């Protein structure tokens, strides 16, 4: 599909080769050469491999083809392009409610459902279209698995969990609050366990990925486009905001949060009731509401206690 075809349909402007063919829409750091990369910043433009970039009007010295949306409406443009790709048949829409054409042992499932040998699915589970569940998994009752979800082998999903929920990307267009439900998937690696009443949203235009042997506790919310590497732990009542990246062997302890697009490198520990507000380097321990290293946070708290308030 040419950039000119997209721009004419969505009222964008183009600087560069209007006849350039794009294969997909992707975030800048994930885009291939023939993708249309969504760039939120100059850094996104500089580091993307894509030849074509969707961004707000800006002056930049880069050998790229630019598709410009209106200023301040990059999220709206992302949603418009993603929906356009769906209408043109280049991306799949997982938001269409499944018809639940098949029923077995109290389980309702949509079209193209695949399940591996040795997997146990208890009654009152709902499974959408195009779902793949590997071998030797255990899915407790009252679990909901959204369309397009992939669950690899040896996974355990406890009651009340929702895997592959809509992405709920919030944005504003012409002063009106809107919501984009996403066209990405949720993918769980081998040996992942998800606790009671936890939610893992699917991606907006990329996928939400949970790495091998990662443990997700009870009442946890993992938002759209989150990437978690292997052998990490997210303890109960914690939340990870959209686009965050979590390395391997990371511990996110109870009632903690990770701000959107923040990256936690390998072996980071986020202590209970803490918030990671900025990127955290390998092996650091973070505590408090402002993402400080634990020792620095303790010193700050000690200094505050010494103050004499009048």
C-alpha atoms as a PDB file:
ATOM      1  CA  UNK A   1       0.000   0.000   0.000  1.00  0.00           C
ATOM      2  CA  UNK A   2       1.500   3.343  -1.021  1.00  0.00           C
ATOM      3  CA  UNK A   3       1.960   6.284   1.301  1.00  0.00           C
ATOM      4  CA  UNK A   4      -0.011   8.443  -1.103  1.00  0.00           C
ATOM      5  CA  UNK A   5      -3.001   6.098  -0.802  1.00  0.00           C
ATOM      6  CA  UNK A   6      -2.867   6.340   3.012  1.00  0.00           C
ATOM      7  CA  UNK A   7      -2.347  10.108   3.040  1.00  0.00           C
ATOM      8  CA  UNK A   8      -5.258  10.769   0.678  1.00  0.00           C
ATOM      9  CA  UNK A   9      -7.594   8.615   2.761  1.00  0.00           C
ATOM     10  CA  UNK A  10      -6.589  10.113   6.125  1.00  0.00           C
ATOM     11  CA  UNK A  11      -5.763  13.697   5.119  1.00  0.00           C
ATOM     12  CA  UNK A  12      -2.040  13.518   5.908  1.00  0.00           C
ATOM     13  CA  UNK A  13       0.749  15.324   4.087  1.00  0.00           C
ATOM     14  CA  UNK A  14       3.915  13.682   2.718  1.00  0.00           C
ATOM     15  CA  UNK A  15       7.495  14.886   2.361  1.00  0.00           C
ATOM     16  CA  UNK A  16       9.334  12.464   0.077  1.00  0.00           C
ATOM     17  CA  UNK A  17       8.441   9.566  -2.185  1.00  0.00           C
ATOM     18  CA  UNK A  18       4.646   9.403  -2.233  1.00  0.00           C
ATOM     19  CA  UNK A  19       4.685   6.075  -4.064  1.00  0.00           C
ATOM     20  CA  UNK A  20       6.722   4.257  -1.420  1.00  0.00           C
ATOM     21  CA  UNK A  21       5.045   0.946  -0.510  1.00  0.00           C
ATOM     22  CA  UNK A  22       4.615   0.115   3.181  1.00  0.00           C
ATOM     23  CA  UNK A  23       3.898  -3.354   4.525  1.00  0.00           C
ATOM     24  CA  UNK A  24       2.912  -2.644   8.120  1.00  0.00           C
ATOM     25  CA  UNK A  25       2.532  -0.012  10.835  1.00  0.00           C
ATOM     26  CA  UNK A  26       4.942  -0.343  13.776  1.00  0.00           C
ATOM     27  CA  UNK A  27       6.498   1.566  16.626  1.00  0.00           C
ATOM     28  CA  UNK A  28       9.803   3.182  15.659  1.00  0.00           C
ATOM     29  CA  UNK A  29      12.069   0.824  17.631  1.00  0.00           C
ATOM     30  CA  UNK A  30      10.357  -2.284  16.210  1.00  0.00           C
ATOM     31  CA  UNK A  31       9.851  -1.183  12.609  1.00  0.00           C
ATOM     32  CA  UNK A  32      11.423  -2.898   9.601  1.00  0.00           C
ATOM     33  CA  UNK A  33      12.651  -0.976   6.548  1.00  0.00           C
ATOM     34  CA  UNK A  34       9.344  -1.280   4.682  1.00  0.00           C
ATOM     35  CA  UNK A  35       7.124  -0.424   7.684  1.00  0.00           C
ATOM     36  CA  UNK A  36       5.504   2.900   8.458  1.00  0.00           C
ATOM     37  CA  UNK A  37       7.131   3.786  11.799  1.00  0.00           C
ATOM     38  CA  UNK A  38       5.217   5.831  14.375  1.00  0.00           C
ATOM     39  CA  UNK A  39       7.675   8.360  15.840  1.00  0.00           C
ATOM     40  CA  UNK A  40       6.843  10.319  18.988  1.00  0.00           C
ATOM     41  CA  UNK A  41      10.214  12.092  19.223  1.00  0.00           C
ATOM     42  CA  UNK A  42      13.391  12.974  17.332  1.00  0.00           C
ATOM     43  CA  UNK A  43      15.109  10.008  18.989  1.00  0.00           C
ATOM     44  CA  UNK A  44      12.483   7.710  17.484  1.00  0.00           C
ATOM     45  CA  UNK A  45      13.208   9.126  14.035  1.00  0.00           C
ATOM     46  CA  UNK A  46      16.968   8.775  14.451  1.00  0.00           C
ATOM     47  CA  UNK A  47      16.943   5.158  15.637  1.00  0.00           C
ATOM     48  CA  UNK A  48      14.212   3.599  13.498  1.00  0.00           C
ATOM     49  CA  UNK A  49      15.162   1.309  10.625  1.00  0.00           C
ATOM     50  CA  UNK A  50      12.033   2.263   8.712  1.00  0.00           C
ATOM     51  CA  UNK A  51      12.304   4.379   5.586  1.00  0.00           C
ATOM     52  CA  UNK A  52       8.892   5.985   6.165  1.00  0.00           C
ATOM     53  CA  UNK A  53       7.926   7.769   9.372  1.00  0.00           C
ATOM     54  CA  UNK A  54       4.556   8.961  10.691  1.00  0.00           C
ATOM     55  CA  UNK A  55       5.076  11.956  12.984  1.00  0.00           C
ATOM     56  CA  UNK A  56       3.900  15.446  13.898  1.00  0.00           C
ATOM     57  CA  UNK A  57       5.095  18.424  11.796  1.00  0.00           C
ATOM     58  CA  UNK A  58       8.751  19.073  12.600  1.00  0.00           C
ATOM     59  CA  UNK A  59      12.013  20.131  10.974  1.00  0.00           C
ATOM     60  CA  UNK A  60      14.586  17.358  11.042  1.00  0.00           C
ATOM     61  CA  UNK A  61      17.652  16.450   8.995  1.00  0.00           C
ATOM     62  CA  UNK A  62      17.075  12.774   8.214  1.00  0.00           C
ATOM     63  CA  UNK A  63      16.997  10.701   5.054  1.00  0.00           C
ATOM     64  CA  UNK A  64      13.449   9.513   5.607  1.00  0.00           C
ATOM     65  CA  UNK A  65      10.063   9.821   3.963  1.00  0.00           C
ATOM     66  CA  UNK A  66       7.792  11.736   6.325  1.00  0.00           C
ATOM     67  CA  UNK A  67       4.037  11.406   6.727  1.00  0.00           C
ATOM     68  CA  UNK A  68       2.804  14.354   8.781  1.00  0.00           C
ATOM     69  CA  UNK A  69      -0.354  14.323  10.881  1.00  0.00           C
ATOM     70  CA  UNK A  70      -1.786  17.362  12.662  1.00  0.00           C
ATOM     71  CA  UNK A  71       0.262  18.729  15.534  1.00  0.00           C
ATOM     72  CA  UNK A  72      -0.600  17.095  18.867  1.00  0.00           C
ATOM     73  CA  UNK A  73      -2.573  14.243  17.268  1.00  0.00           C
ATOM     74  CA  UNK A  74       0.054  11.521  16.804  1.00  0.00           C
ATOM     75  CA  UNK A  75      -1.917   8.998  18.905  1.00  0.00           C
ATOM     76  CA  UNK A  76      -5.061   9.777  16.951  1.00  0.00           C
ATOM     77  CA  UNK A  77      -3.108   9.322  13.709  1.00  0.00           C
ATOM     78  CA  UNK A  78      -1.741   5.986  14.963  1.00  0.00           C
ATOM     79  CA  UNK A  79      -5.295   4.757  15.601  1.00  0.00           C
ATOM     80  CA  UNK A  80      -6.510   6.047  12.226  1.00  0.00           C
ATOM     81  CA  UNK A  81      -3.716   4.321  10.304  1.00  0.00           C
ATOM     82  CA  UNK A  82      -4.130   1.077  12.260  1.00  0.00           C
ATOM     83  CA  UNK A  83      -7.869   0.998  11.538  1.00  0.00           C
ATOM     84  CA  UNK A  84      -7.145   1.812   7.887  1.00  0.00           C
ATOM     85  CA  UNK A  85      -4.767  -1.172   7.669  1.00  0.00           C
ATOM     86  CA  UNK A  86      -7.549  -3.347   9.082  1.00  0.00           C
ATOM     87  CA  UNK A  87     -10.063  -2.059   6.530  1.00  0.00           C
ATOM     88  CA  UNK A  88      -7.579  -2.738   3.727  1.00  0.00           C
ATOM     89  CA  UNK A  89      -7.030  -6.304   4.981  1.00  0.00           C
ATOM     90  CA  UNK A  90      -3.364  -5.841   5.962  1.00  0.00           C
ATOM     91  CA  UNK A  91      -3.951  -6.309   9.692  1.00  0.00           C
ATOM     92  CA  UNK A  92      -6.436  -8.430  11.599  1.00  0.00           C
ATOM     93  CA  UNK A  93      -9.089  -6.978  13.903  1.00  0.00           C
ATOM     94  CA  UNK A  94      -9.287  -8.923  17.169  1.00  0.00           C
ATOM     95  CA  UNK A  95     -12.027  -6.675  18.567  1.00  0.00           C
ATOM     96  CA  UNK A  96     -14.881  -8.352  16.711  1.00  0.00           C
ATOM     97  CA  UNK A  97     -16.841 -10.392  19.293  1.00  0.00           C
ATOM     98  CA  UNK A  98     -16.451 -14.129  18.625  1.00  0.00           C
ATOM     99  CA  UNK A  99     -19.547 -16.149  17.837  1.00  0.00           C
ATOM    100  CA  UNK A 100     -18.462 -19.008  20.124  1.00  0.00           C
ATOM    101  CA  UNK A 101     -19.296 -21.620  17.528  1.00  0.00           C
ATOM    102  CA  UNK A 102     -17.827 -24.514  19.510  1.00  0.00           C
ATOM    103  CA  UNK A 103     -18.658 -25.782  22.975  1.00  0.00           C
ATOM    104  CA  UNK A 104     -17.024 -28.563  24.963  1.00  0.00           C
ATOM    105  CA  UNK A 105     -17.151 -29.403  28.667  1.00  0.00           C
ATOM    106  CA  UNK A 106     -18.607 -25.993  29.497  1.00  0.00           C
ATOM    107  CA  UNK A 107     -15.946 -24.123  27.504  1.00  0.00           C
ATOM    108  CA  UNK A 108     -17.001 -21.606  24.858  1.00  0.00           C
ATOM    109  CA  UNK A 109     -14.507 -21.010  22.053  1.00  0.00           C
ATOM    110  CA  UNK A 110     -14.425 -19.157  18.760  1.00  0.00           C
ATOM    111  CA  UNK A 111     -13.032 -20.070  15.355  1.00  0.00           C
ATOM    112  CA  UNK A 112      -9.552 -21.474  14.688  1.00  0.00           C
ATOM    113  CA  UNK A 113      -8.915 -22.525  18.272  1.00  0.00           C
ATOM    114  CA  UNK A 114      -5.868 -24.753  18.788  1.00  0.00           C
ATOM    115  CA  UNK A 115      -4.944 -26.616  21.976  1.00  0.00           C
ATOM    116  CA  UNK A 116      -1.936 -28.839  22.687  1.00  0.00           C
ATOM    117  CA  UNK A 117      -1.771 -32.321  24.185  1.00  0.00           C
ATOM    118  CA  UNK A 118      -2.166 -32.630  27.934  1.00  0.00           C
ATOM    119  CA  UNK A 119      -3.748 -29.202  28.419  1.00  0.00           C
ATOM    120  CA  UNK A 120      -6.627 -29.013  30.909  1.00  0.00           C
ATOM    121  CA  UNK A 121      -9.305 -26.327  30.492  1.00  0.00           C
ATOM    122  CA  UNK A 122     -11.895 -26.156  33.258  1.00  0.00           C
ATOM    123  CA  UNK A 123     -15.562 -25.227  32.666  1.00  0.00           C
ATOM    124  CA  UNK A 124     -16.808 -21.639  32.233  1.00  0.00           C
ATOM    125  CA  UNK A 125     -13.762 -20.506  30.230  1.00  0.00           C
ATOM    126  CA  UNK A 126     -14.339 -18.267  27.188  1.00  0.00           C
ATOM    127  CA  UNK A 127     -11.851 -18.346  24.311  1.00  0.00           C
ATOM    128  CA  UNK A 128     -11.950 -15.997  21.321  1.00  0.00           C
ATOM    129  CA  UNK A 129     -11.040 -16.506  17.673  1.00  0.00           C
ATOM    130  CA  UNK A 130      -7.570 -17.528  16.463  1.00  0.00           C
ATOM    131  CA  UNK A 131      -6.333 -18.531  19.930  1.00  0.00           C
ATOM    132  CA  UNK A 132      -3.434 -20.971  20.330  1.00  0.00           C
ATOM    133  CA  UNK A 133      -2.773 -22.781  23.611  1.00  0.00           C
ATOM    134  CA  UNK A 134       0.223 -25.077  23.872  1.00  0.00           C
ATOM    135  CA  UNK A 135       0.744 -28.431  25.584  1.00  0.00           C
ATOM    136  CA  UNK A 136       0.426 -29.236  29.304  1.00  0.00           C
ATOM    137  CA  UNK A 137      -1.247 -25.974  30.275  1.00  0.00           C
ATOM    138  CA  UNK A 138      -3.833 -25.561  33.029  1.00  0.00           C
ATOM    139  CA  UNK A 139      -6.620 -23.002  32.553  1.00  0.00           C
ATOM    140  CA  UNK A 140      -8.854 -22.630  35.610  1.00  0.00           C
ATOM    141  CA  UNK A 141     -12.559 -21.852  35.419  1.00  0.00           C
ATOM    142  CA  UNK A 142     -13.821 -18.330  34.714  1.00  0.00           C
ATOM    143  CA  UNK A 143     -10.787 -17.316  32.665  1.00  0.00           C
ATOM    144  CA  UNK A 144     -11.336 -15.170  29.556  1.00  0.00           C
ATOM    145  CA  UNK A 145      -8.868 -15.405  26.671  1.00  0.00           C
ATOM    146  CA  UNK A 146      -9.233 -12.753  23.982  1.00  0.00           C
ATOM    147  CA  UNK A 147      -8.985 -13.345  20.254  1.00  0.00           C
ATOM    148  CA  UNK A 148      -5.513 -13.681  18.765  1.00  0.00           C
ATOM    149  CA  UNK A 149      -3.881 -14.689  22.058  1.00  0.00           C
ATOM    150  CA  UNK A 150      -0.975 -17.137  22.017  1.00  0.00           C
ATOM    151  CA  UNK A 151      -0.193 -19.170  25.154  1.00  0.00           C
ATOM    152  CA  UNK A 152       2.834 -21.426  24.908  1.00  0.00           C
ATOM    153  CA  UNK A 153       3.462 -24.735  26.744  1.00  0.00           C
ATOM    154  CA  UNK A 154       3.273 -25.426  30.505  1.00  0.00           C
ATOM    155  CA  UNK A 155       1.400 -22.232  31.388  1.00  0.00           C
ATOM    156  CA  UNK A 156      -1.013 -21.841  34.324  1.00  0.00           C
ATOM    157  CA  UNK A 157      -3.841 -19.285  34.232  1.00  0.00           C
ATOM    158  CA  UNK A 158      -5.874 -18.911  37.443  1.00  0.00           C
ATOM    159  CA  UNK A 159      -9.556 -18.052  37.823  1.00  0.00           C
ATOM    160  CA  UNK A 160     -10.774 -14.586  36.917  1.00  0.00           C
ATOM    161  CA  UNK A 161      -7.761 -13.713  34.764  1.00  0.00           C
ATOM    162  CA  UNK A 162      -8.295 -11.947  31.466  1.00  0.00           C
ATOM    163  CA  UNK A 163      -5.603 -12.606  28.850  1.00  0.00           C
ATOM    164  CA  UNK A 164      -5.617 -10.579  25.647  1.00  0.00           C
ATOM    165  CA  UNK A 165      -8.012  -7.893  26.862  1.00  0.00           C
ATOM    166  CA  UNK A 166      -8.533  -4.829  24.677  1.00  0.00           C
ATOM    167  CA  UNK A 167      -5.663  -2.355  24.789  1.00  0.00           C
ATOM    168  CA  UNK A 168      -7.732   0.734  25.771  1.00  0.00           C
ATOM    169  CA  UNK A 169      -5.267   3.298  24.420  1.00  0.00           C
ATOM    170  CA  UNK A 170      -6.738   6.637  25.488  1.00  0.00           C
ATOM    171  CA  UNK A 171      -6.312   9.757  23.355  1.00  0.00           C
ATOM    172  CA  UNK A 172      -8.073  12.952  22.360  1.00  0.00           C
ATOM    173  CA  UNK A 173      -9.223  14.014  18.898  1.00  0.00           C
ATOM    174  CA  UNK A 174     -10.711  17.429  18.209  1.00  0.00           C
ATOM    175  CA  UNK A 175     -11.279  17.887  21.942  1.00  0.00           C
ATOM    176  CA  UNK A 176     -13.180  14.602  22.323  1.00  0.00           C
ATOM    177  CA  UNK A 177     -11.865  11.728  24.466  1.00  0.00           C
ATOM    178  CA  UNK A 178     -11.524   8.515  22.478  1.00  0.00           C
ATOM    179  CA  UNK A 179     -10.255   4.972  22.956  1.00  0.00           C
ATOM    180  CA  UNK A 180      -8.403   2.642  20.579  1.00  0.00           C
ATOM    181  CA  UNK A 181      -8.789  -1.056  21.335  1.00  0.00           C
ATOM    182  CA  UNK A 182      -5.652  -2.242  19.537  1.00  0.00           C
ATOM    183  CA  UNK A 183      -4.804  -4.658  16.737  1.00  0.00           C
ATOM    184  CA  UNK A 184      -1.864  -6.389  18.438  1.00  0.00           C
ATOM    185  CA  UNK A 185      -1.794  -9.680  20.315  1.00  0.00           C
ATOM    186  CA  UNK A 186      -0.951 -10.961  23.788  1.00  0.00           C
ATOM    187  CA  UNK A 187       1.728 -13.667  23.760  1.00  0.00           C
ATOM    188  CA  UNK A 188       2.711 -15.722  26.827  1.00  0.00           C
ATOM    189  CA  UNK A 189       5.936 -17.737  26.716  1.00  0.00           C
ATOM    190  CA  UNK A 190       6.584 -21.221  28.100  1.00  0.00           C
ATOM    191  CA  UNK A 191       5.910 -21.714  31.797  1.00  0.00           C
ATOM    192  CA  UNK A 192       4.190 -18.380  32.461  1.00  0.00           C
ATOM    193  CA  UNK A 193       1.800 -18.308  35.417  1.00  0.00           C
ATOM    194  CA  UNK A 194      -0.931 -15.697  35.856  1.00  0.00           C
ATOM    195  CA  UNK A 195      -2.691 -15.154  39.183  1.00  0.00           C
ATOM    196  CA  UNK A 196      -6.317 -14.623  40.119  1.00  0.00           C
ATOM    197  CA  UNK A 197      -8.191 -11.675  38.562  1.00  0.00           C
ATOM    198  CA  UNK A 198      -5.162 -10.301  36.725  1.00  0.00           C
ATOM    199  CA  UNK A 199      -5.394  -8.578  33.337  1.00  0.00           C
ATOM    200  CA  UNK A 200      -2.952  -8.687  30.444  1.00  0.00           C
ATOM    201  CA  UNK A 201      -3.966  -6.364  27.622  1.00  0.00           C
ATOM    202  CA  UNK A 202      -3.048  -7.037  24.026  1.00  0.00           C
ATOM    203  CA  UNK A 203      -0.905  -4.578  22.089  1.00  0.00           C
ATOM    204  CA  UNK A 204      -2.042  -1.541  20.141  1.00  0.00           C
ATOM    205  CA  UNK A 205      -0.013  -2.013  16.952  1.00  0.00           C
ATOM    206  CA  UNK A 206       2.700  -4.271  18.430  1.00  0.00           C
ATOM    207  CA  UNK A 207       2.275  -7.266  20.764  1.00  0.00           C
ATOM    208  CA  UNK A 208       2.257  -7.564  24.543  1.00  0.00           C
ATOM    209  CA  UNK A 209       4.908 -10.168  25.397  1.00  0.00           C
ATOM    210  CA  UNK A 210       5.365 -12.100  28.653  1.00  0.00           C
ATOM    211  CA  UNK A 211       8.653 -14.017  28.699  1.00  0.00           C
ATOM    212  CA  UNK A 212       9.318 -17.613  29.699  1.00  0.00           C
ATOM    213  CA  UNK A 213       8.709 -18.645  33.318  1.00  0.00           C
ATOM    214  CA  UNK A 214       7.586 -15.177  34.368  1.00  0.00           C
ATOM    215  CA  UNK A 215       5.162 -15.179  37.300  1.00  0.00           C
ATOM    216  CA  UNK A 216       2.265 -12.709  37.428  1.00  0.00           C
ATOM    217  CA  UNK A 217       0.533 -12.439  40.823  1.00  0.00           C
ATOM    218  CA  UNK A 218      -3.078 -11.698  41.755  1.00  0.00           C
ATOM    219  CA  UNK A 219      -4.868  -8.460  40.791  1.00  0.00           C
ATOM    220  CA  UNK A 220      -2.070  -7.319  38.482  1.00  0.00           C
ATOM    221  CA  UNK A 221      -2.662  -5.097  35.439  1.00  0.00           C
ATOM    222  CA  UNK A 222      -0.250  -5.303  32.506  1.00  0.00           C
ATOM    223  CA  UNK A 223      -1.104  -2.733  29.867  1.00  0.00           C
ATOM    224  CA  UNK A 224      -0.814  -2.702  26.085  1.00  0.00           C
ATOM    225  CA  UNK A 225       2.559  -3.193  24.365  1.00  0.00           C
ATOM    226  CA  UNK A 226       4.393  -4.172  27.563  1.00  0.00           C
ATOM    227  CA  UNK A 227       7.416  -6.427  27.058  1.00  0.00           C
ATOM    228  CA  UNK A 228       8.559  -8.592  30.000  1.00  0.00           C
ATOM    229  CA  UNK A 229      11.579 -10.850  29.618  1.00  0.00           C
ATOM    230  CA  UNK A 230      12.087 -14.301  31.155  1.00  0.00           C
ATOM    231  CA  UNK A 231      12.099 -15.343  34.834  1.00  0.00           C
ATOM    232  CA  UNK A 232      10.646 -12.097  36.184  1.00  0.00           C
ATOM    233  CA  UNK A 233       8.052 -11.662  38.928  1.00  0.00           C
ATOM    234  CA  UNK A 234       5.213  -9.174  39.215  1.00  0.00           C
ATOM    235  CA  UNK A 235       3.633  -9.419  42.660  1.00  0.00           C
ATOM    236  CA  UNK A 236      -0.018  -8.761  43.592  1.00  0.00           C
ATOM    237  CA  UNK A 237      -1.768  -5.419  43.040  1.00  0.00           C
ATOM    238  CA  UNK A 238       1.001  -4.021  40.845  1.00  0.00           C
ATOM    239  CA  UNK A 239       0.555  -2.249  37.519  1.00  0.00           C
ATOM    240  CA  UNK A 240       2.755  -1.829  34.461  1.00  0.00           C
ATOM    241  CA  UNK A 241       1.741   0.972  32.097  1.00  0.00           C
ATOM    242  CA  UNK A 242       1.691   0.863  28.315  1.00  0.00           C
ATOM    243  CA  UNK A 243       4.911   0.415  26.382  1.00  0.00           C
ATOM    244  CA  UNK A 244       7.058  -0.363  29.434  1.00  0.00           C
ATOM    245  CA  UNK A 245       9.923  -2.824  29.030  1.00  0.00           C
ATOM    246  CA  UNK A 246      10.961  -5.171  31.832  1.00  0.00           C
ATOM    247  CA  UNK A 247      14.128  -7.242  31.636  1.00  0.00           C
ATOM    248  CA  UNK A 248      14.818 -10.759  32.885  1.00  0.00           C
ATOM    249  CA  UNK A 249      14.965 -11.715  36.580  1.00  0.00           C
ATOM    250  CA  UNK A 250      13.211  -8.480  37.549  1.00  0.00           C
ATOM    251  CA  UNK A 251      11.170  -8.338  40.783  1.00  0.00           C
ATOM    252  CA  UNK A 252       8.237  -5.934  40.955  1.00  0.00           C
ATOM    253  CA  UNK A 253       6.936  -6.315  44.482  1.00  0.00           C
ATOM    254  CA  UNK A 254       3.422  -5.721  45.830  1.00  0.00           C
ATOM    255  CA  UNK A 255       1.447  -2.569  45.034  1.00  0.00           C
ATOM    256  CA  UNK A 256       4.144  -1.100  42.809  1.00  0.00           C
ATOM    257  CA  UNK A 257       3.908   0.652  39.475  1.00  0.00           C
ATOM    258  CA  UNK A 258       5.924   1.181  36.316  1.00  0.00           C
ATOM    259  CA  UNK A 259       5.245   4.361  34.317  1.00  0.00           C
ATOM    260  CA  UNK A 260       4.528   4.118  30.588  1.00  0.00           C
ATOM    261  CA  UNK A 261       7.515   3.569  28.286  1.00  0.00           C
ATOM    262  CA  UNK A 262       9.932   3.138  31.215  1.00  0.00           C
ATOM    263  CA  UNK A 263      12.575   0.403  30.889  1.00  0.00           C
ATOM    264  CA  UNK A 264      13.745  -1.793  33.765  1.00  0.00           C
ATOM    265  CA  UNK A 265      16.943  -3.616  32.879  1.00  0.00           C
ATOM    266  CA  UNK A 266      17.812  -7.150  34.054  1.00  0.00           C
ATOM    267  CA  UNK A 267      17.903  -8.003  37.781  1.00  0.00           C
ATOM    268  CA  UNK A 268      16.180  -4.785  38.875  1.00  0.00           C
ATOM    269  CA  UNK A 269      14.124  -4.905  42.085  1.00  0.00           C
ATOM    270  CA  UNK A 270      11.197  -2.555  42.615  1.00  0.00           C
ATOM    271  CA  UNK A 271      10.313  -2.665  46.304  1.00  0.00           C
ATOM    272  CA  UNK A 272       6.713  -2.691  47.565  1.00  0.00           C
ATOM    273  CA  UNK A 273       4.608   0.454  47.054  1.00  0.00           C
ATOM    274  CA  UNK A 274       7.225   1.995  44.760  1.00  0.00           C
ATOM    275  CA  UNK A 275       6.918   3.658  41.361  1.00  0.00           C
ATOM    276  CA  UNK A 276       9.507   3.453  38.580  1.00  0.00           C
ATOM    277  CA  UNK A 277       9.211   6.897  36.998  1.00  0.00           C
ATOM    278  CA  UNK A 278      12.316   6.651  34.794  1.00  0.00           C
ATOM    279  CA  UNK A 279      14.595   3.994  33.302  1.00  0.00           C
ATOM    280  CA  UNK A 280      16.419   1.788  35.814  1.00  0.00           C
ATOM    281  CA  UNK A 281      19.862   0.306  35.139  1.00  0.00           C
ATOM    282  CA  UNK A 282      20.935  -3.326  35.571  1.00  0.00           C
ATOM    283  CA  UNK A 283      20.747  -4.692  39.119  1.00  0.00           C
ATOM    284  CA  UNK A 284      19.448  -1.528  40.842  1.00  0.00           C
ATOM    285  CA  UNK A 285      16.970  -1.616  43.736  1.00  0.00           C
ATOM    286  CA  UNK A 286      14.312   1.111  43.638  1.00  0.00           C
ATOM    287  CA  UNK A 287      11.906   2.334  46.312  1.00  0.00           C
ATOM    288  CA  UNK A 288       9.533   5.223  46.972  1.00  0.00           C
ATOM    289  CA  UNK A 289       7.213   7.232  44.765  1.00  0.00           C
ATOM    290  CA  UNK A 290       9.894   8.930  42.666  1.00  0.00           C
ATOM    291  CA  UNK A 291      11.936   6.021  41.368  1.00  0.00           C
ATOM    292  CA  UNK A 292      15.047   6.648  43.477  1.00  0.00           C
ATOM    293  CA  UNK A 293      17.629   4.036  44.341  1.00  0.00           C
ATOM    294  CA  UNK A 294      16.738   2.460  47.675  1.00  0.00           C
ATOM    295  CA  UNK A 295      19.700   3.844  49.649  1.00  0.00           C
ATOM    296  CA  UNK A 296      19.107   7.355  48.315  1.00  0.00           C
ATOM    297  CA  UNK A 297      15.429   7.102  49.217  1.00  0.00           C
ATOM    298  CA  UNK A 298      16.282   6.026  52.766  1.00  0.00           C
ATOM    299  CA  UNK A 299      18.635   9.013  53.137  1.00  0.00           C
ATOM    300  CA  UNK A 300      15.904  11.339  51.887  1.00  0.00           C
ATOM    301  CA  UNK A 301      13.409   9.926  54.356  1.00  0.00           C
ATOM    302  CA  UNK A 302      15.944  10.209  57.199  1.00  0.00           C
ATOM    303  CA  UNK A 303      16.602  13.866  56.324  1.00  0.00           C
ATOM    304  CA  UNK A 304      12.894  14.649  56.308  1.00  0.00           C
ATOM    305  CA  UNK A 305      12.439  13.105  59.740  1.00  0.00           C
ATOM    306  CA  UNK A 306      15.151  15.420  61.138  1.00  0.00           C
ATOM    307  CA  UNK A 307      13.322  18.546  60.000  1.00  0.00           C
ATOM    308  CA  UNK A 308      11.573  20.526  62.739  1.00  0.00           C
ATOM    309  CA  UNK A 309       8.176  21.583  61.567  1.00  0.00           C
ATOM    310  CA  UNK A 310       6.622  24.691  63.108  1.00  0.00           C
END
